Structure formats: structure tokens, C-alpha cells
Amino acid sequence: MWGDRIHSGIGIAVCLSASALALAVAPAFMPEGYSWVTHTTSQSAAQGVEAAWIARLGFLSFGLGVIWVTAERRVAWRRWASVFHAGFGAFMVATAVFSTRSWDAAMPYNPVEDAIHSATATLVGFCFAFGVLALLLRRRKEQFAVRWFDLFALSATVALPAAMTLLPQFAGVFQRLMFLVAYVWYLREDYLLSSHSDRHARP
């Protein structure tokens, strides 16, 4: 049983790491005018952009990795946390399928696809926030470090989007910080999956 969990944990870590790598290198392949400081990861996967497949692959790997960790952690997470995190994974995959418009206003785009992307990207954020909140409430008696990391991640889901609105010239930085928080949070859950210290592995 533990061997299977370790193998799953490694697979999940590979998915999440591959996603982070893809999103990190995508700006290097963007055409002139793209700035990772100002422009978001979604814009590096925008319609009509060459090499957009790199960021889309990052979204796809992230979504599949989260769906995987949710399937493995469903007993410990219980119903609502599992529903929200599975939603995060599914909507993240959808952001890979439906792309936003380019930052270049002259670039033609499909407005329906752009609207779908906006909706799925928004739902990704809501699912992460409510999924973390559901676990934070369940972990009131769990070890201090886990609860405080959940609280930190939950706070980031409010502070960083607000910072993107207030300081749009740094929107790319703030959004990438939000992705970093999510990667670390899911990697921690992946560690708990393969660790004997997970006290909620049984129903």
C-alpha cells in the first residue's frame, strides 16, 4: 500500500514540476511585446501566439496533477474538499483547451473562446480558495504547521488577485506568485500522501 502511495506521489510531483517548468520557460519563447512582469500566464498561452502550446501544456499538466492528487487524497480530504480540488483540476485543464485573447489588440481572436477561458480561470481561483478553506476547517485539531500553511494559502487567494487589480503593471508577477503558492500547497499534500505522518489517511 505504501509502495503504491510512493509511486503515485512521485507521479504527481512529476506532473506538477513539469507544469511549473513549462510556465516558467514559456515567456522566453514569446514574441516581442510580452513581459512576464505585466502579462499573465494565460496571455503566454493566448490565441494566435506562437509557442502558446508551452504554457497550455503547463496548464494541462497542472490540472491532471491536481486531479490525480485529489483522487489519491479523497479519503483524507472528504467530500467537499475533494469536489473543490477536483474542480480546480478540471477547470485548469479547460484553461488549456480554451485560450484568452492576445495582449496585442491587433491580433484577431475568438470572443467566445476568450469568454470561456475567463470563466474557467475565475473558477480555478474559487475552487482553490474553497478547497483550502474546507480543509482548514477540518484541520482545526491537526498539527500547527499544516493549518498555518493552509491559512497562508487561503490569504494569498485574496491578497494576490487584489494586488493584480491595484497594480496591473505587475499583474504577471502577482499571478505567478499565486501559482507558486498553489504548486507548493499541492506538493505538500502530495508529500502527506506518501508520508506515514498523514493522520487522516483512513476514513
C-alpha atoms as a PDB file:
ATOM      1  CA  MET A   1       0.000   0.000   0.000  1.00  0.00           C
ATOM      2  CA  TRP A   2       2.733   2.439   0.956  1.00  0.00           C
ATOM      3  CA  GLY A   3       4.683   1.458  -2.158  1.00  0.00           C
ATOM      4  CA  ASP A   4       1.690   2.386  -4.318  1.00  0.00           C
ATOM      5  CA  ARG A   5       1.342   5.695  -2.497  1.00  0.00           C
ATOM      6  CA  ILE A   6       5.014   6.485  -3.017  1.00  0.00           C
ATOM      7  CA  HIS A   7       4.738   5.710  -6.737  1.00  0.00           C
ATOM      8  CA  SER A   8       1.637   7.900  -7.005  1.00  0.00           C
ATOM      9  CA  GLY A   9       3.404  10.637  -5.068  1.00  0.00           C
ATOM     10  CA  ILE A  10       6.323  10.593  -7.482  1.00  0.00           C
ATOM     11  CA  GLY A  11       3.996  10.708 -10.491  1.00  0.00           C
ATOM     12  CA  ILE A  12       2.068  13.640  -9.042  1.00  0.00           C
ATOM     13  CA  ALA A  13       5.289  15.505  -8.253  1.00  0.00           C
ATOM     14  CA  VAL A  14       6.488  14.971 -11.833  1.00  0.00           C
ATOM     15  CA  CYS A  15       3.210  16.377 -13.232  1.00  0.00           C
ATOM     16  CA  LEU A  16       3.323  19.458 -11.022  1.00  0.00           C
ATOM     17  CA  SER A  17       7.044  20.046 -11.616  1.00  0.00           C
ATOM     18  CA  ALA A  18       6.628  19.697 -15.389  1.00  0.00           C
ATOM     19  CA  SER A  19       3.800  22.226 -15.243  1.00  0.00           C
ATOM     20  CA  ALA A  20       5.863  24.716 -13.242  1.00  0.00           C
ATOM     21  CA  LEU A  21       8.780  24.316 -15.658  1.00  0.00           C
ATOM     22  CA  ALA A  22       6.575  24.861 -18.712  1.00  0.00           C
ATOM     23  CA  LEU A  23       5.035  28.040 -17.303  1.00  0.00           C
ATOM     24  CA  ALA A  24       8.453  29.299 -16.173  1.00  0.00           C
ATOM     25  CA  VAL A  25      10.099  28.931 -19.588  1.00  0.00           C
ATOM     26  CA  ALA A  26       7.100  29.980 -21.719  1.00  0.00           C
ATOM     27  CA  PRO A  27       7.904  33.734 -21.561  1.00  0.00           C
ATOM     28  CA  ALA A  28      11.303  33.080 -23.153  1.00  0.00           C
ATOM     29  CA  PHE A  29       9.522  31.909 -26.326  1.00  0.00           C
ATOM     30  CA  MET A  30       7.041  34.770 -26.521  1.00  0.00           C
ATOM     31  CA  PRO A  31       7.168  37.344 -29.324  1.00  0.00           C
ATOM     32  CA  GLU A  32       8.302  40.900 -28.750  1.00  0.00           C
ATOM     33  CA  GLY A  33       5.970  42.875 -26.521  1.00  0.00           C
ATOM     34  CA  TYR A  34       5.334  40.159 -23.947  1.00  0.00           C
ATOM     35  CA  SER A  35       6.555  40.842 -20.411  1.00  0.00           C
ATOM     36  CA  TRP A  36       6.353  38.266 -17.637  1.00  0.00           C
ATOM     37  CA  VAL A  37       6.141  41.175 -15.188  1.00  0.00           C
ATOM     38  CA  THR A  38       2.986  42.649 -16.706  1.00  0.00           C
ATOM     39  CA  HIS A  39       1.398  39.839 -18.705  1.00  0.00           C
ATOM     40  CA  THR A  40      -0.149  36.729 -17.218  1.00  0.00           C
ATOM     41  CA  THR A  41       0.491  33.061 -17.824  1.00  0.00           C
ATOM     42  CA  SER A  42      -2.817  32.916 -19.692  1.00  0.00           C
ATOM     43  CA  GLN A  43      -1.521  35.510 -22.127  1.00  0.00           C
ATOM     44  CA  SER A  44       1.529  33.342 -22.813  1.00  0.00           C
ATOM     45  CA  ALA A  45      -0.994  30.706 -23.959  1.00  0.00           C
ATOM     46  CA  ALA A  46      -3.123  33.200 -25.887  1.00  0.00           C
ATOM     47  CA  GLN A  47      -4.879  32.691 -29.192  1.00  0.00           C
ATOM     48  CA  GLY A  48      -2.685  33.225 -32.230  1.00  0.00           C
ATOM     49  CA  VAL A  49       0.568  33.271 -30.257  1.00  0.00           C
ATOM     50  CA  GLU A  50       3.422  31.112 -31.474  1.00  0.00           C
ATOM     51  CA  ALA A  51       4.732  28.692 -28.846  1.00  0.00           C
ATOM     52  CA  ALA A  52       1.487  29.100 -26.856  1.00  0.00           C
ATOM     53  CA  TRP A  53       1.482  25.306 -26.614  1.00  0.00           C
ATOM     54  CA  ILE A  54       4.197  25.506 -23.931  1.00  0.00           C
ATOM     55  CA  ALA A  55       2.001  27.345 -21.421  1.00  0.00           C
ATOM     56  CA  ARG A  56      -1.028  25.277 -22.456  1.00  0.00           C
ATOM     57  CA  LEU A  57       0.972  22.151 -21.682  1.00  0.00           C
ATOM     58  CA  GLY A  58       1.739  23.689 -18.291  1.00  0.00           C
ATOM     59  CA  PHE A  59      -1.966  24.206 -17.587  1.00  0.00           C
ATOM     60  CA  LEU A  60      -2.777  20.695 -18.737  1.00  0.00           C
ATOM     61  CA  SER A  61      -0.079  19.101 -16.562  1.00  0.00           C
ATOM     62  CA  PHE A  62      -1.159  21.169 -13.571  1.00  0.00           C
ATOM     63  CA  GLY A  63      -4.797  20.179 -13.973  1.00  0.00           C
ATOM     64  CA  LEU A  64      -4.043  16.495 -14.414  1.00  0.00           C
ATOM     65  CA  GLY A  65      -1.648  16.520 -11.459  1.00  0.00           C
ATOM     66  CA  VAL A  66      -4.285  18.067  -9.191  1.00  0.00           C
ATOM     67  CA  ILE A  67      -6.965  15.615 -10.366  1.00  0.00           C
ATOM     68  CA  TRP A  68      -4.525  12.813  -9.565  1.00  0.00           C
ATOM     69  CA  VAL A  69      -3.667  14.057  -6.081  1.00  0.00           C
ATOM     70  CA  THR A  70      -7.379  14.617  -5.415  1.00  0.00           C
ATOM     71  CA  ALA A  71      -8.162  11.028  -6.376  1.00  0.00           C
ATOM     72  CA  GLU A  72      -5.421   9.769  -4.060  1.00  0.00           C
ATOM     73  CA  ARG A  73      -6.362  12.075  -1.155  1.00  0.00           C
ATOM     74  CA  ARG A  74     -10.135  11.797  -1.405  1.00  0.00           C
ATOM     75  CA  VAL A  75     -10.455   9.708   1.779  1.00  0.00           C
ATOM     76  CA  ALA A  76      -8.422  12.148   3.861  1.00  0.00           C
ATOM     77  CA  TRP A  77      -9.967  15.236   2.272  1.00  0.00           C
ATOM     78  CA  ARG A  78     -13.584  14.009   2.391  1.00  0.00           C
ATOM     79  CA  ARG A  79     -16.381  15.185   0.129  1.00  0.00           C
ATOM     80  CA  TRP A  80     -16.300  18.973  -0.205  1.00  0.00           C
ATOM     81  CA  ALA A  81     -12.558  19.477  -0.303  1.00  0.00           C
ATOM     82  CA  SER A  82     -12.328  16.724  -2.918  1.00  0.00           C
ATOM     83  CA  VAL A  83     -15.106  18.302  -5.005  1.00  0.00           C
ATOM     84  CA  PHE A  84     -13.459  21.720  -5.000  1.00  0.00           C
ATOM     85  CA  HIS A  85      -9.962  20.452  -5.757  1.00  0.00           C
ATOM     86  CA  ALA A  86     -11.252  18.161  -8.497  1.00  0.00           C
ATOM     87  CA  GLY A  87     -12.974  21.249  -9.870  1.00  0.00           C
ATOM     88  CA  PHE A  88      -9.663  23.116  -9.746  1.00  0.00           C
ATOM     89  CA  GLY A  89      -8.050  20.372 -11.813  1.00  0.00           C
ATOM     90  CA  ALA A  90     -10.892  20.166 -14.328  1.00  0.00           C
ATOM     91  CA  PHE A  91     -11.101  23.923 -14.839  1.00  0.00           C
ATOM     92  CA  MET A  92      -7.316  24.160 -15.134  1.00  0.00           C
ATOM     93  CA  VAL A  93      -7.469  21.601 -17.954  1.00  0.00           C
ATOM     94  CA  ALA A  94     -10.211  23.740 -19.528  1.00  0.00           C
ATOM     95  CA  THR A  95      -7.899  26.777 -19.494  1.00  0.00           C
ATOM     96  CA  ALA A  96      -5.509  24.740 -21.632  1.00  0.00           C
ATOM     97  CA  VAL A  97      -8.294  23.971 -24.101  1.00  0.00           C
ATOM     98  CA  PHE A  98      -9.870  27.449 -24.252  1.00  0.00           C
ATOM     99  CA  SER A  99      -7.420  30.325 -24.614  1.00  0.00           C
ATOM    100  CA  THR A 100      -7.652  34.022 -23.856  1.00  0.00           C
ATOM    101  CA  ARG A 101      -7.119  36.776 -26.403  1.00  0.00           C
ATOM    102  CA  SER A 102      -3.606  38.051 -27.074  1.00  0.00           C
ATOM    103  CA  TRP A 103      -2.205  41.089 -25.273  1.00  0.00           C
ATOM    104  CA  ASP A 104      -1.742  42.533 -28.778  1.00  0.00           C
ATOM    105  CA  ALA A 105      -5.023  44.315 -29.516  1.00  0.00           C
ATOM    106  CA  ALA A 106      -4.426  43.963 -33.254  1.00  0.00           C
ATOM    107  CA  MET A 107      -4.391  40.151 -33.042  1.00  0.00           C
ATOM    108  CA  PRO A 108      -7.680  38.541 -34.141  1.00  0.00           C
ATOM    109  CA  TYR A 109      -9.347  36.273 -31.617  1.00  0.00           C
ATOM    110  CA  ASN A 110     -12.440  34.206 -30.910  1.00  0.00           C
ATOM    111  CA  PRO A 111     -14.525  36.117 -28.321  1.00  0.00           C
ATOM    112  CA  VAL A 112     -16.461  33.006 -27.268  1.00  0.00           C
ATOM    113  CA  GLU A 113     -13.277  31.098 -26.507  1.00  0.00           C
ATOM    114  CA  ASP A 114     -11.904  34.142 -24.681  1.00  0.00           C
ATOM    115  CA  ALA A 115     -15.060  34.362 -22.535  1.00  0.00           C
ATOM    116  CA  ILE A 116     -14.928  30.645 -21.704  1.00  0.00           C
ATOM    117  CA  HIS A 117     -11.285  30.996 -20.683  1.00  0.00           C
ATOM    118  CA  SER A 118     -12.119  33.924 -18.395  1.00  0.00           C
ATOM    119  CA  ALA A 119     -14.858  31.887 -16.741  1.00  0.00           C
ATOM    120  CA  THR A 120     -12.743  28.765 -16.238  1.00  0.00           C
ATOM    121  CA  ALA A 121      -9.773  30.786 -14.957  1.00  0.00           C
ATOM    122  CA  THR A 122     -12.029  32.500 -12.422  1.00  0.00           C
ATOM    123  CA  LEU A 123     -13.478  29.158 -11.317  1.00  0.00           C
ATOM    124  CA  VAL A 124      -9.940  27.792 -10.829  1.00  0.00           C
ATOM    125  CA  GLY A 125      -9.320  30.507  -8.242  1.00  0.00           C
ATOM    126  CA  PHE A 126     -12.629  29.959  -6.464  1.00  0.00           C
ATOM    127  CA  CYS A 127     -12.146  26.186  -6.349  1.00  0.00           C
ATOM    128  CA  PHE A 128      -8.679  26.526  -4.845  1.00  0.00           C
ATOM    129  CA  ALA A 129      -9.848  29.001  -2.210  1.00  0.00           C
ATOM    130  CA  PHE A 130     -12.888  26.965  -1.139  1.00  0.00           C
ATOM    131  CA  GLY A 131     -10.960  23.703  -1.301  1.00  0.00           C
ATOM    132  CA  VAL A 132      -8.264  25.034   1.011  1.00  0.00           C
ATOM    133  CA  LEU A 133     -10.907  26.553   3.308  1.00  0.00           C
ATOM    134  CA  ALA A 134     -12.730  23.225   3.572  1.00  0.00           C
ATOM    135  CA  LEU A 135      -9.527  21.514   4.668  1.00  0.00           C
ATOM    136  CA  LEU A 136      -8.549  24.322   7.015  1.00  0.00           C
ATOM    137  CA  LEU A 137     -11.852  23.899   8.865  1.00  0.00           C
ATOM    138  CA  ARG A 138     -11.326  20.150   9.087  1.00  0.00           C
ATOM    139  CA  ARG A 139      -7.759  20.535  10.303  1.00  0.00           C
ATOM    140  CA  ARG A 140      -8.567  22.620  13.371  1.00  0.00           C
ATOM    141  CA  LYS A 141      -7.026  19.928  15.581  1.00  0.00           C
ATOM    142  CA  GLU A 142      -4.220  18.944  13.231  1.00  0.00           C
ATOM    143  CA  GLN A 143      -0.567  19.904  13.543  1.00  0.00           C
ATOM    144  CA  PHE A 144       0.180  23.626  13.722  1.00  0.00           C
ATOM    145  CA  ALA A 145       2.331  23.818  10.567  1.00  0.00           C
ATOM    146  CA  VAL A 146      -0.310  22.323   8.283  1.00  0.00           C
ATOM    147  CA  ARG A 147      -3.067  24.610   9.497  1.00  0.00           C
ATOM    148  CA  TRP A 148      -0.958  27.747   9.196  1.00  0.00           C
ATOM    149  CA  PHE A 149       0.169  26.851   5.694  1.00  0.00           C
ATOM    150  CA  ASP A 150      -3.479  26.390   4.719  1.00  0.00           C
ATOM    151  CA  LEU A 151      -4.246  29.799   6.214  1.00  0.00           C
ATOM    152  CA  PHE A 152      -1.347  31.367   4.314  1.00  0.00           C
ATOM    153  CA  ALA A 153      -2.530  29.832   1.023  1.00  0.00           C
ATOM    154  CA  LEU A 154      -6.094  30.993   1.668  1.00  0.00           C
ATOM    155  CA  SER A 155      -4.884  34.530   2.405  1.00  0.00           C
ATOM    156  CA  ALA A 156      -2.897  34.530  -0.830  1.00  0.00           C
ATOM    157  CA  THR A 157      -6.064  33.790  -2.817  1.00  0.00           C
ATOM    158  CA  VAL A 158      -7.429  37.132  -1.596  1.00  0.00           C
ATOM    159  CA  ALA A 159      -4.315  39.323  -1.411  1.00  0.00           C
ATOM    160  CA  LEU A 160      -2.683  38.461  -4.732  1.00  0.00           C
ATOM    161  CA  PRO A 161      -5.737  38.920  -7.003  1.00  0.00           C
ATOM    162  CA  ALA A 162      -6.383  42.209  -5.208  1.00  0.00           C
ATOM    163  CA  ALA A 163      -2.773  43.236  -5.880  1.00  0.00           C
ATOM    164  CA  MET A 164      -3.230  42.378  -9.569  1.00  0.00           C
ATOM    165  CA  THR A 165      -6.204  44.749  -9.703  1.00  0.00           C
ATOM    166  CA  LEU A 166      -4.493  47.571  -7.826  1.00  0.00           C
ATOM    167  CA  LEU A 167      -1.130  47.247  -9.598  1.00  0.00           C
ATOM    168  CA  PRO A 168      -1.883  45.910 -13.085  1.00  0.00           C
ATOM    169  CA  GLN A 169       1.634  46.741 -14.281  1.00  0.00           C
ATOM    170  CA  PHE A 170       2.818  43.889 -12.029  1.00  0.00           C
ATOM    171  CA  ALA A 171      -0.062  41.518 -12.766  1.00  0.00           C
ATOM    172  CA  GLY A 172       2.260  38.872 -14.196  1.00  0.00           C
ATOM    173  CA  VAL A 173       4.398  38.821 -11.058  1.00  0.00           C
ATOM    174  CA  PHE A 174       1.444  38.569  -8.683  1.00  0.00           C
ATOM    175  CA  GLN A 175      -0.249  35.856 -10.717  1.00  0.00           C
ATOM    176  CA  ARG A 176       2.935  33.794 -10.847  1.00  0.00           C
ATOM    177  CA  LEU A 177       3.236  34.126  -7.079  1.00  0.00           C
ATOM    178  CA  MET A 178      -0.297  32.745  -6.808  1.00  0.00           C
ATOM    179  CA  PHE A 179       0.689  29.813  -8.997  1.00  0.00           C
ATOM    180  CA  LEU A 180       3.753  29.257  -6.806  1.00  0.00           C
ATOM    181  CA  VAL A 181       1.594  29.134  -3.677  1.00  0.00           C
ATOM    182  CA  ALA A 182      -0.728  26.609  -5.347  1.00  0.00           C
ATOM    183  CA  TYR A 183       2.191  24.448  -6.521  1.00  0.00           C
ATOM    184  CA  VAL A 184       3.709  24.368  -3.042  1.00  0.00           C
ATOM    185  CA  TRP A 185       0.336  23.645  -1.438  1.00  0.00           C
ATOM    186  CA  TYR A 186      -0.388  20.687  -3.730  1.00  0.00           C
ATOM    187  CA  LEU A 187       3.168  19.376  -3.442  1.00  0.00           C
ATOM    188  CA  ARG A 188       2.768  19.436   0.333  1.00  0.00           C
ATOM    189  CA  GLU A 189      -0.428  17.431   0.030  1.00  0.00           C
ATOM    190  CA  ASP A 190       1.437  15.055  -2.269  1.00  0.00           C
ATOM    191  CA  TYR A 191       4.097  14.671   0.425  1.00  0.00           C
ATOM    192  CA  LEU A 192       1.433  13.930   3.041  1.00  0.00           C
ATOM    193  CA  LEU A 193       0.029  11.290   0.699  1.00  0.00           C
ATOM    194  CA  SER A 194       3.281   9.311   0.675  1.00  0.00           C
ATOM    195  CA  SER A 195       4.233  10.128   4.274  1.00  0.00           C
ATOM    196  CA  HIS A 196       3.433   7.933   7.280  1.00  0.00           C
ATOM    197  CA  SER A 197       2.773  11.154   9.206  1.00  0.00           C
ATOM    198  CA  ASP A 198      -0.607  11.683   7.499  1.00  0.00           C
ATOM    199  CA  ARG A 199      -3.006  11.008  10.325  1.00  0.00           C
ATOM    200  CA  HIS A 200      -6.095  11.401   8.134  1.00  0.00           C
ATOM    201  CA  ALA A 201      -5.275   8.670   5.625  1.00  0.00           C
ATOM    202  CA  ARG A 202      -8.097   6.491   6.984  1.00  0.00           C
ATOM    203  CA  PRO A 203     -11.815   7.314   6.926  1.00  0.00           C
END
